Amino acid sequence: MGNLITFNEREAKSLAAIAQRVRETEWDIIGIGIRNIDSTCSPEVNRPELDYFLPQIKTYVDCIQAANDHRAHIILGGSGFSMMPYEILDYLDGDYYGLVGYGK
């Protein structure tokens, strides 16, 4: 069990890796797929961050936006995003674009 890391440690490592990748490459656009906005986790788990994903998604989108420094357009999409695009854009409160439905 010595190799297990906590949820917060894993999130911090993920955010650092994402920010580094965004900073080291010159992107034209950055696409973020939002598949789910809530989970099927039992409420008995007592981990609110596992019930509703938008606060955590906002953390990741804000990290990408900060590392991007407004150089590239950020486009949100995915099945979760398509279910309530205006509400998600409002919640994220940033300079983002959205793609609803199939991205053909």
C-alpha atoms as a PDB file:
ATOM      1  CA  MET A   1       0.000   0.000   0.000  1.00  0.00           C
ATOM      2  CA  GLY A   2       3.027   2.300   0.068  1.00  0.00           C
ATOM      3  CA  ASN A   3       2.513   3.413  -3.554  1.00  0.00           C
ATOM      4  CA  LEU A   4      -1.063   4.650  -3.175  1.00  0.00           C
ATOM      5  CA  ILE A   5      -1.570   8.389  -3.378  1.00  0.00           C
ATOM      6  CA  THR A   6      -4.539  10.402  -2.180  1.00  0.00           C
ATOM      7  CA  PHE A   7      -7.180  11.899  -4.431  1.00  0.00           C
ATOM      8  CA  ASN A   8      -5.772  15.393  -3.783  1.00  0.00           C
ATOM      9  CA  GLU A   9      -2.209  14.299  -4.582  1.00  0.00           C
ATOM     10  CA  ARG A  10      -3.347  12.704  -7.821  1.00  0.00           C
ATOM     11  CA  GLU A  11      -5.270  15.820  -8.799  1.00  0.00           C
ATOM     12  CA  ALA A  12      -2.264  18.068  -8.041  1.00  0.00           C
ATOM     13  CA  LYS A  13       0.007  15.866 -10.179  1.00  0.00           C
ATOM     14  CA  SER A  14      -2.526  15.866 -13.008  1.00  0.00           C
ATOM     15  CA  LEU A  15      -2.948  19.650 -12.925  1.00  0.00           C
ATOM     16  CA  ALA A  16       0.827  20.189 -12.919  1.00  0.00           C
ATOM     17  CA  ALA A  17       1.313  17.829 -15.870  1.00  0.00           C
ATOM     18  CA  ILE A  18      -1.510  19.440 -17.858  1.00  0.00           C
ATOM     19  CA  ALA A  19      -0.231  22.972 -17.189  1.00  0.00           C
ATOM     20  CA  GLN A  20       3.287  21.999 -18.243  1.00  0.00           C
ATOM     21  CA  ARG A  21       2.060  20.460 -21.492  1.00  0.00           C
ATOM     22  CA  VAL A  22      -0.120  23.465 -22.316  1.00  0.00           C
ATOM     23  CA  ARG A  23       2.762  25.894 -21.654  1.00  0.00           C
ATOM     24  CA  GLU A  24       5.384  24.003 -23.652  1.00  0.00           C
ATOM     25  CA  THR A  25       3.417  23.822 -26.924  1.00  0.00           C
ATOM     26  CA  GLU A  26       2.006  26.559 -29.144  1.00  0.00           C
ATOM     27  CA  TRP A  27      -1.620  25.493 -29.628  1.00  0.00           C
ATOM     28  CA  ASP A  28      -4.093  26.873 -32.177  1.00  0.00           C
ATOM     29  CA  ILE A  29      -7.058  25.497 -30.228  1.00  0.00           C
ATOM     30  CA  ILE A  30      -7.461  23.391 -27.129  1.00  0.00           C
ATOM     31  CA  GLY A  31     -10.390  20.989 -27.032  1.00  0.00           C
ATOM     32  CA  ILE A  32     -11.808  19.743 -23.753  1.00  0.00           C
ATOM     33  CA  GLY A  33     -14.270  16.873 -23.788  1.00  0.00           C
ATOM     34  CA  ILE A  34     -16.776  16.704 -20.944  1.00  0.00           C
ATOM     35  CA  ARG A  35     -18.297  13.273 -20.927  1.00  0.00           C
ATOM     36  CA  ASN A  36     -20.115  13.258 -17.586  1.00  0.00           C
ATOM     37  CA  ILE A  37     -21.367  15.964 -15.269  1.00  0.00           C
ATOM     38  CA  ASP A  38     -22.441  13.637 -12.474  1.00  0.00           C
ATOM     39  CA  SER A  39     -21.687  10.133 -11.355  1.00  0.00           C
ATOM     40  CA  THR A  40     -23.402   6.965 -10.320  1.00  0.00           C
ATOM     41  CA  CYS A  41     -21.296   6.766  -7.167  1.00  0.00           C
ATOM     42  CA  SER A  42     -23.256   5.825  -4.105  1.00  0.00           C
ATOM     43  CA  PRO A  43     -23.860   8.808  -1.788  1.00  0.00           C
ATOM     44  CA  GLU A  44     -22.657   6.535   1.004  1.00  0.00           C
ATOM     45  CA  VAL A  45     -19.097   7.034  -0.266  1.00  0.00           C
ATOM     46  CA  ASN A  46     -19.290  10.530   1.318  1.00  0.00           C
ATOM     47  CA  ARG A  47     -17.105  12.194  -1.317  1.00  0.00           C
ATOM     48  CA  PRO A  48     -19.123  15.150  -2.673  1.00  0.00           C
ATOM     49  CA  GLU A  49     -16.558  15.765  -5.428  1.00  0.00           C
ATOM     50  CA  LEU A  50     -17.538  12.383  -6.864  1.00  0.00           C
ATOM     51  CA  ASP A  51     -21.254  13.233  -7.069  1.00  0.00           C
ATOM     52  CA  TYR A  52     -21.156  16.330  -9.266  1.00  0.00           C
ATOM     53  CA  PHE A  53     -18.175  16.927 -11.536  1.00  0.00           C
ATOM     54  CA  LEU A  54     -18.530  20.580 -12.599  1.00  0.00           C
ATOM     55  CA  PRO A  55     -16.460  22.009  -9.713  1.00  0.00           C
ATOM     56  CA  GLN A  56     -13.620  19.630 -10.571  1.00  0.00           C
ATOM     57  CA  ILE A  57     -14.029  20.269 -14.310  1.00  0.00           C
ATOM     58  CA  LYS A  58     -13.811  24.007 -13.567  1.00  0.00           C
ATOM     59  CA  THR A  59     -10.538  23.406 -11.713  1.00  0.00           C
ATOM     60  CA  TYR A  60      -9.070  21.688 -14.774  1.00  0.00           C
ATOM     61  CA  VAL A  61     -10.447  24.214 -17.285  1.00  0.00           C
ATOM     62  CA  ASP A  62      -9.140  27.119 -15.160  1.00  0.00           C
ATOM     63  CA  CYS A  63      -5.726  25.422 -14.988  1.00  0.00           C
ATOM     64  CA  ILE A  64      -5.642  25.045 -18.771  1.00  0.00           C
ATOM     65  CA  GLN A  65      -6.761  28.640 -19.287  1.00  0.00           C
ATOM     66  CA  ALA A  66      -4.100  29.983 -16.889  1.00  0.00           C
ATOM     67  CA  ALA A  67      -1.329  27.933 -18.529  1.00  0.00           C
ATOM     68  CA  ASN A  68      -2.607  28.896 -21.980  1.00  0.00           C
ATOM     69  CA  ASP A  69      -2.487  32.605 -21.102  1.00  0.00           C
ATOM     70  CA  HIS A  70      -5.259  33.252 -23.660  1.00  0.00           C
ATOM     71  CA  ARG A  71      -3.023  32.243 -26.598  1.00  0.00           C
ATOM     72  CA  ALA A  72      -5.376  29.590 -28.007  1.00  0.00           C
ATOM     73  CA  HIS A  73      -9.157  29.319 -28.121  1.00  0.00           C
ATOM     74  CA  ILE A  74     -10.582  26.728 -25.737  1.00  0.00           C
ATOM     75  CA  ILE A  75     -13.460  24.686 -27.143  1.00  0.00           C
ATOM     76  CA  LEU A  76     -15.623  22.566 -24.858  1.00  0.00           C
ATOM     77  CA  GLY A  77     -17.600  19.604 -26.100  1.00  0.00           C
ATOM     78  CA  GLY A  78     -18.641  16.078 -25.326  1.00  0.00           C
ATOM     79  CA  SER A  79     -21.865  14.368 -24.348  1.00  0.00           C
ATOM     80  CA  GLY A  80     -21.953  15.913 -20.869  1.00  0.00           C
ATOM     81  CA  PHE A  81     -21.385  19.383 -22.289  1.00  0.00           C
ATOM     82  CA  SER A  82     -24.062  18.857 -24.952  1.00  0.00           C
ATOM     83  CA  MET A  83     -26.667  18.094 -22.271  1.00  0.00           C
ATOM     84  CA  MET A  84     -26.505  21.592 -20.790  1.00  0.00           C
ATOM     85  CA  PRO A  85     -24.067  23.787 -22.735  1.00  0.00           C
ATOM     86  CA  TYR A  86     -25.337  27.206 -21.671  1.00  0.00           C
ATOM     87  CA  GLU A  87     -25.405  26.266 -18.007  1.00  0.00           C
ATOM     88  CA  ILE A  88     -21.867  24.855 -18.167  1.00  0.00           C
ATOM     89  CA  LEU A  89     -20.511  27.914 -19.999  1.00  0.00           C
ATOM     90  CA  ASP A  90     -22.213  30.116 -17.422  1.00  0.00           C
ATOM     91  CA  TYR A  91     -20.821  28.056 -14.536  1.00  0.00           C
ATOM     92  CA  LEU A  92     -17.267  28.043 -15.923  1.00  0.00           C
ATOM     93  CA  ASP A  93     -17.479  31.827 -16.409  1.00  0.00           C
ATOM     94  CA  GLY A  94     -14.685  32.183 -18.924  1.00  0.00           C
ATOM     95  CA  ASP A  95     -13.842  32.958 -22.513  1.00  0.00           C
ATOM     96  CA  TYR A  96     -14.755  29.571 -23.986  1.00  0.00           C
ATOM     97  CA  TYR A  97     -16.470  28.209 -27.051  1.00  0.00           C
ATOM     98  CA  GLY A  98     -18.687  25.149 -27.145  1.00  0.00           C
ATOM     99  CA  LEU A  99     -19.490  22.433 -29.640  1.00  0.00           C
ATOM    100  CA  VAL A 100     -22.880  20.792 -29.110  1.00  0.00           C
ATOM    101  CA  GLY A 101     -23.668  17.405 -30.586  1.00  0.00           C
ATOM    102  CA  TYR A 102     -21.490  15.477 -32.995  1.00  0.00           C
ATOM    103  CA  GLY A 103     -18.222  17.130 -33.947  1.00  0.00           C
ATOM    104  CA  LYS A 104     -18.094  15.878 -37.525  1.00  0.00           C
END
